[in-house]
Amino acid sequence: MIKAFIVVNNHAMVRLCRFYEQLGVDKQTELCQTVYKIVTGRPDHLCSFVDDEKTFGPDTKLVYRHFATLYFCILSDRSESELAMLDLIQVYVETLDRVFENVCELDLIFNSPKAYTVLDETIVGGLVLEINSQKILGVYEQLMKLEKMHSSLIDKLV
C-alpha cells in the first residue's frame, strides 16, 4: 500500500502531497522534510530506492524520481514493488505533461487542483487505481467538461 505521494522542489518547498494513512500535520511536515533531506542528499548515480528502517520504520520504503527541479517521491510498504512505483511516477508525470502541455513546477503551483485530480484518478486510498495514462487523461477530460457545464449552469442562474 502507498502511504504517501510527495512532490518537493530543490529548495525544500512541497508542491504536492497526499497522505494515505492517518498522520498528524506535524508528522506529515516532518516526513516531508525528511524525504527532502534524503533525496537531495543522495548523488545522482545511486538508485532511487531508500530502505531506511531507522527513519521510516520497519515496513516503509521510499522510491523517488528526479525531474528537472522536482522530486516525485512515494512512501510505501514493503508489499509494493519498487519498479512498479517508479513506473507509477512515470505515468503520473506523463499524464501531467499531457494535461499541462509540457508540465513545469509553476503548473503545480498555480493549478494544484488539476494535479491533485490526476493523482486522485491514479491512486485511491493508497491503492493504485489506474496506470494507463490515456484512461486517466480521458477521465480527467470528462471531469473538466462536467465542471464547465456546471459553471455555465450557475452563470445562467445568476
C-alpha atoms as a PDB file:
ATOM      1  CA  MET A   1       0.000   0.000   0.000  1.00  0.00           C
ATOM      2  CA  ILE A   2       1.146   3.506  -0.765  1.00  0.00           C
ATOM      3  CA  LYS A   3       1.484   5.619   2.354  1.00  0.00           C
ATOM      4  CA  ALA A   4       2.286   8.993   0.785  1.00  0.00           C
ATOM      5  CA  PHE A   5       2.897  10.702  -2.543  1.00  0.00           C
ATOM      6  CA  ILE A   6       5.082  13.799  -2.220  1.00  0.00           C
ATOM      7  CA  VAL A   7       6.411  16.254  -4.791  1.00  0.00           C
ATOM      8  CA  VAL A   8       9.107  18.580  -3.479  1.00  0.00           C
ATOM      9  CA  ASN A   9      11.376  21.014  -5.308  1.00  0.00           C
ATOM     10  CA  ASN A  10      15.119  21.620  -4.971  1.00  0.00           C
ATOM     11  CA  HIS A  11      14.510  24.269  -2.293  1.00  0.00           C
ATOM     12  CA  ALA A  12      12.503  22.096   0.129  1.00  0.00           C
ATOM     13  CA  MET A  13       9.142  23.541  -0.962  1.00  0.00           C
ATOM     14  CA  VAL A  14       6.453  20.871  -1.031  1.00  0.00           C
ATOM     15  CA  ARG A  15       4.472  21.341  -4.221  1.00  0.00           C
ATOM     16  CA  LEU A  16       2.057  18.458  -3.800  1.00  0.00           C
ATOM     17  CA  CYS A  17       1.496  15.870  -1.100  1.00  0.00           C
ATOM     18  CA  ARG A  18      -1.157  13.314  -0.359  1.00  0.00           C
ATOM     19  CA  PHE A  19      -1.012  11.015   2.640  1.00  0.00           C
ATOM     20  CA  TYR A  20      -2.968   7.772   2.566  1.00  0.00           C
ATOM     21  CA  GLU A  21      -2.641   6.953   6.245  1.00  0.00           C
ATOM     22  CA  GLN A  22      -3.780   8.906   9.267  1.00  0.00           C
ATOM     23  CA  LEU A  23      -0.950  11.183  10.457  1.00  0.00           C
ATOM     24  CA  GLY A  24      -0.940  14.468  12.306  1.00  0.00           C
ATOM     25  CA  VAL A  25       0.085  17.629  10.475  1.00  0.00           C
ATOM     26  CA  ASP A  26       3.338  17.815  12.464  1.00  0.00           C
ATOM     27  CA  LYS A  27       4.255  14.254  11.494  1.00  0.00           C
ATOM     28  CA  GLN A  28       3.386  14.937   7.833  1.00  0.00           C
ATOM     29  CA  THR A  29       5.575  18.051   7.823  1.00  0.00           C
ATOM     30  CA  GLU A  30       8.431  16.172   9.472  1.00  0.00           C
ATOM     31  CA  LEU A  31       8.103  13.340   6.959  1.00  0.00           C
ATOM     32  CA  CYS A  32       8.170  15.763   4.003  1.00  0.00           C
ATOM     33  CA  GLN A  33      11.310  17.440   5.390  1.00  0.00           C
ATOM     34  CA  THR A  34      12.967  14.074   5.974  1.00  0.00           C
ATOM     35  CA  VAL A  35      12.153  12.914   2.444  1.00  0.00           C
ATOM     36  CA  TYR A  36      13.590  16.153   1.047  1.00  0.00           C
ATOM     37  CA  LYS A  37      16.822  15.769   3.018  1.00  0.00           C
ATOM     38  CA  ILE A  38      17.241  12.171   1.896  1.00  0.00           C
ATOM     39  CA  VAL A  39      16.569  12.637  -1.821  1.00  0.00           C
ATOM     40  CA  THR A  40      18.604  15.827  -2.190  1.00  0.00           C
ATOM     41  CA  GLY A  41      21.490  14.384  -0.202  1.00  0.00           C
ATOM     42  CA  ARG A  42      21.897  11.374  -2.469  1.00  0.00           C
ATOM     43  CA  PRO A  43      24.209  11.517  -5.500  1.00  0.00           C
ATOM     44  CA  ASP A  44      22.503  11.068  -8.876  1.00  0.00           C
ATOM     45  CA  HIS A  45      24.354   7.834  -9.650  1.00  0.00           C
ATOM     46  CA  LEU A  46      22.709   5.974  -6.725  1.00  0.00           C
ATOM     47  CA  CYS A  47      19.486   4.044  -7.184  1.00  0.00           C
ATOM     48  CA  SER A  48      16.125   5.685  -6.495  1.00  0.00           C
ATOM     49  CA  PHE A  49      15.140   3.324  -3.674  1.00  0.00           C
ATOM     50  CA  VAL A  50      15.725   4.066   0.006  1.00  0.00           C
ATOM     51  CA  ASP A  51      15.042   1.435   2.626  1.00  0.00           C
ATOM     52  CA  ASP A  52      15.837   3.053   5.966  1.00  0.00           C
ATOM     53  CA  GLU A  53      14.085   1.395   8.925  1.00  0.00           C
ATOM     54  CA  LYS A  54      15.561   3.908  11.369  1.00  0.00           C
ATOM     55  CA  THR A  55      13.994   6.850   9.512  1.00  0.00           C
ATOM     56  CA  PHE A  56      10.732   5.473   8.122  1.00  0.00           C
ATOM     57  CA  GLY A  57      10.023   2.477  10.311  1.00  0.00           C
ATOM     58  CA  PRO A  58      10.256  -1.253   9.702  1.00  0.00           C
ATOM     59  CA  ASP A  59       7.675  -1.529   6.937  1.00  0.00           C
ATOM     60  CA  THR A  60       8.222   1.638   4.861  1.00  0.00           C
ATOM     61  CA  LYS A  61      10.440   2.370   1.892  1.00  0.00           C
ATOM     62  CA  LEU A  62      10.984   5.432  -0.279  1.00  0.00           C
ATOM     63  CA  VAL A  63      11.010   5.394  -4.075  1.00  0.00           C
ATOM     64  CA  TYR A  64      11.697   8.637  -5.908  1.00  0.00           C
ATOM     65  CA  ARG A  65      12.463  10.116  -9.288  1.00  0.00           C
ATOM     66  CA  HIS A  66      14.091  13.466 -10.067  1.00  0.00           C
ATOM     67  CA  PHE A  67      12.684  15.508 -12.976  1.00  0.00           C
ATOM     68  CA  ALA A  68      14.175  18.981 -13.583  1.00  0.00           C
ATOM     69  CA  THR A  69      13.620  20.882 -10.304  1.00  0.00           C
ATOM     70  CA  LEU A  70      11.147  18.422  -8.780  1.00  0.00           C
ATOM     71  CA  TYR A  71      11.471  15.193  -6.840  1.00  0.00           C
ATOM     72  CA  PHE A  72       8.468  12.854  -7.126  1.00  0.00           C
ATOM     73  CA  CYS A  73       8.504  10.592  -4.068  1.00  0.00           C
ATOM     74  CA  ILE A  74       6.399   7.650  -2.944  1.00  0.00           C
ATOM     75  CA  LEU A  75       6.453   6.195   0.549  1.00  0.00           C
ATOM     76  CA  SER A  76       5.040   2.679   0.515  1.00  0.00           C
ATOM     77  CA  ASP A  77       5.065  -0.519   2.490  1.00  0.00           C
ATOM     78  CA  ARG A  78       7.199  -3.494   1.540  1.00  0.00           C
ATOM     79  CA  SER A  79       4.408  -5.180  -0.424  1.00  0.00           C
ATOM     80  CA  GLU A  80       4.791  -2.654  -3.267  1.00  0.00           C
ATOM     81  CA  SER A  81       7.359  -3.271  -5.987  1.00  0.00           C
ATOM     82  CA  GLU A  82       9.997  -0.563  -6.351  1.00  0.00           C
ATOM     83  CA  LEU A  83       9.882  -0.805 -10.140  1.00  0.00           C
ATOM     84  CA  ALA A  84       6.092  -0.540 -10.104  1.00  0.00           C
ATOM     85  CA  MET A  85       6.381   2.627  -8.010  1.00  0.00           C
ATOM     86  CA  LEU A  86       8.908   4.099 -10.461  1.00  0.00           C
ATOM     87  CA  ASP A  87       6.501   3.252 -13.279  1.00  0.00           C
ATOM     88  CA  LEU A  88       3.672   4.910 -11.361  1.00  0.00           C
ATOM     89  CA  ILE A  89       5.723   8.093 -11.027  1.00  0.00           C
ATOM     90  CA  GLN A  90       6.486   7.979 -14.751  1.00  0.00           C
ATOM     91  CA  VAL A  91       2.802   7.547 -15.641  1.00  0.00           C
ATOM     92  CA  TYR A  92       1.833  10.417 -13.344  1.00  0.00           C
ATOM     93  CA  VAL A  93       4.435  12.759 -14.861  1.00  0.00           C
ATOM     94  CA  GLU A  94       3.474  11.761 -18.422  1.00  0.00           C
ATOM     95  CA  THR A  95      -0.188  12.405 -17.653  1.00  0.00           C
ATOM     96  CA  LEU A  96       0.615  15.796 -16.120  1.00  0.00           C
ATOM     97  CA  ASP A  97       2.674  16.558 -19.207  1.00  0.00           C
ATOM     98  CA  ARG A  98      -0.380  15.925 -21.387  1.00  0.00           C
ATOM     99  CA  VAL A  99      -2.728  17.889 -19.133  1.00  0.00           C
ATOM    100  CA  PHE A 100      -0.467  20.948 -18.923  1.00  0.00           C
ATOM    101  CA  GLU A 101       1.259  20.547 -22.304  1.00  0.00           C
ATOM    102  CA  ASN A 102       4.855  20.387 -21.102  1.00  0.00           C
ATOM    103  CA  VAL A 103       4.437  20.449 -17.332  1.00  0.00           C
ATOM    104  CA  CYS A 104       6.682  22.545 -15.113  1.00  0.00           C
ATOM    105  CA  GLU A 105       6.810  23.454 -11.449  1.00  0.00           C
ATOM    106  CA  LEU A 106       4.663  26.551 -11.976  1.00  0.00           C
ATOM    107  CA  ASP A 107       1.831  24.361 -13.283  1.00  0.00           C
ATOM    108  CA  LEU A 108       1.801  22.503  -9.971  1.00  0.00           C
ATOM    109  CA  ILE A 109       1.823  25.779  -8.046  1.00  0.00           C
ATOM    110  CA  PHE A 110      -0.917  27.614  -9.923  1.00  0.00           C
ATOM    111  CA  ASN A 111      -3.030  24.624 -10.977  1.00  0.00           C
ATOM    112  CA  SER A 112      -2.711  22.325  -7.981  1.00  0.00           C
ATOM    113  CA  PRO A 113      -6.380  21.183  -8.130  1.00  0.00           C
ATOM    114  CA  LYS A 114      -5.726  19.756 -11.591  1.00  0.00           C
ATOM    115  CA  ALA A 115      -2.576  17.988 -10.384  1.00  0.00           C
ATOM    116  CA  TYR A 116      -4.472  16.537  -7.414  1.00  0.00           C
ATOM    117  CA  THR A 117      -7.306  15.417  -9.701  1.00  0.00           C
ATOM    118  CA  VAL A 118      -4.856  13.472 -11.859  1.00  0.00           C
ATOM    119  CA  LEU A 119      -3.278  11.974  -8.732  1.00  0.00           C
ATOM    120  CA  ASP A 120      -6.693  11.006  -7.343  1.00  0.00           C
ATOM    121  CA  GLU A 121      -7.554   9.248 -10.605  1.00  0.00           C
ATOM    122  CA  THR A 122      -4.302   7.303 -10.307  1.00  0.00           C
ATOM    123  CA  ILE A 123      -4.174   6.420  -6.594  1.00  0.00           C
ATOM    124  CA  VAL A 124      -7.206   5.931  -4.362  1.00  0.00           C
ATOM    125  CA  GLY A 125      -6.845   5.218  -0.666  1.00  0.00           C
ATOM    126  CA  GLY A 126      -3.223   4.191  -1.084  1.00  0.00           C
ATOM    127  CA  LEU A 127      -4.003   1.658  -3.814  1.00  0.00           C
ATOM    128  CA  VAL A 128      -3.104   2.111  -7.464  1.00  0.00           C
ATOM    129  CA  LEU A 129      -6.327   2.516  -9.403  1.00  0.00           C
ATOM    130  CA  GLU A 130      -5.056   3.130 -12.919  1.00  0.00           C
ATOM    131  CA  ILE A 131      -1.679   3.140 -14.665  1.00  0.00           C
ATOM    132  CA  ASN A 132      -2.883   3.778 -18.201  1.00  0.00           C
ATOM    133  CA  SER A 133      -2.138   7.405 -18.963  1.00  0.00           C
ATOM    134  CA  GLN A 134      -4.762   7.559 -21.743  1.00  0.00           C
ATOM    135  CA  LYS A 135      -7.542   6.352 -19.422  1.00  0.00           C
ATOM    136  CA  ILE A 136      -6.527   8.771 -16.685  1.00  0.00           C
ATOM    137  CA  LEU A 137      -6.494  11.597 -19.210  1.00  0.00           C
ATOM    138  CA  GLY A 138      -9.924  10.541 -20.534  1.00  0.00           C
ATOM    139  CA  VAL A 139     -11.468  10.650 -17.063  1.00  0.00           C
ATOM    140  CA  TYR A 140      -9.766  13.973 -16.371  1.00  0.00           C
ATOM    141  CA  GLU A 141     -11.186  15.483 -19.594  1.00  0.00           C
ATOM    142  CA  GLN A 142     -14.669  14.227 -18.698  1.00  0.00           C
ATOM    143  CA  LEU A 143     -14.379  15.862 -15.271  1.00  0.00           C
ATOM    144  CA  MET A 144     -13.314  19.145 -16.872  1.00  0.00           C
ATOM    145  CA  LYS A 145     -16.332  19.020 -19.243  1.00  0.00           C
ATOM    146  CA  LEU A 146     -18.643  18.452 -16.285  1.00  0.00           C
ATOM    147  CA  GLU A 147     -17.044  21.339 -14.431  1.00  0.00           C
ATOM    148  CA  LYS A 148     -17.588  23.655 -17.428  1.00  0.00           C
ATOM    149  CA  MET A 149     -21.224  22.553 -17.730  1.00  0.00           C
ATOM    150  CA  HIS A 150     -21.737  23.114 -14.014  1.00  0.00           C
ATOM    151  CA  SER A 151     -20.212  26.602 -14.092  1.00  0.00           C
ATOM    152  CA  SER A 152     -22.259  27.560 -17.174  1.00  0.00           C
ATOM    153  CA  LEU A 153     -25.460  26.423 -15.431  1.00  0.00           C
ATOM    154  CA  ILE A 154     -24.607  28.520 -12.392  1.00  0.00           C
ATOM    155  CA  ASP A 155     -23.865  31.516 -14.641  1.00  0.00           C
ATOM    156  CA  LYS A 156     -27.322  31.145 -16.228  1.00  0.00           C
ATOM    157  CA  LEU A 157     -28.980  31.061 -12.802  1.00  0.00           C
ATOM    158  CA  VAL A 158     -27.229  34.217 -11.658  1.00  0.00           C
END
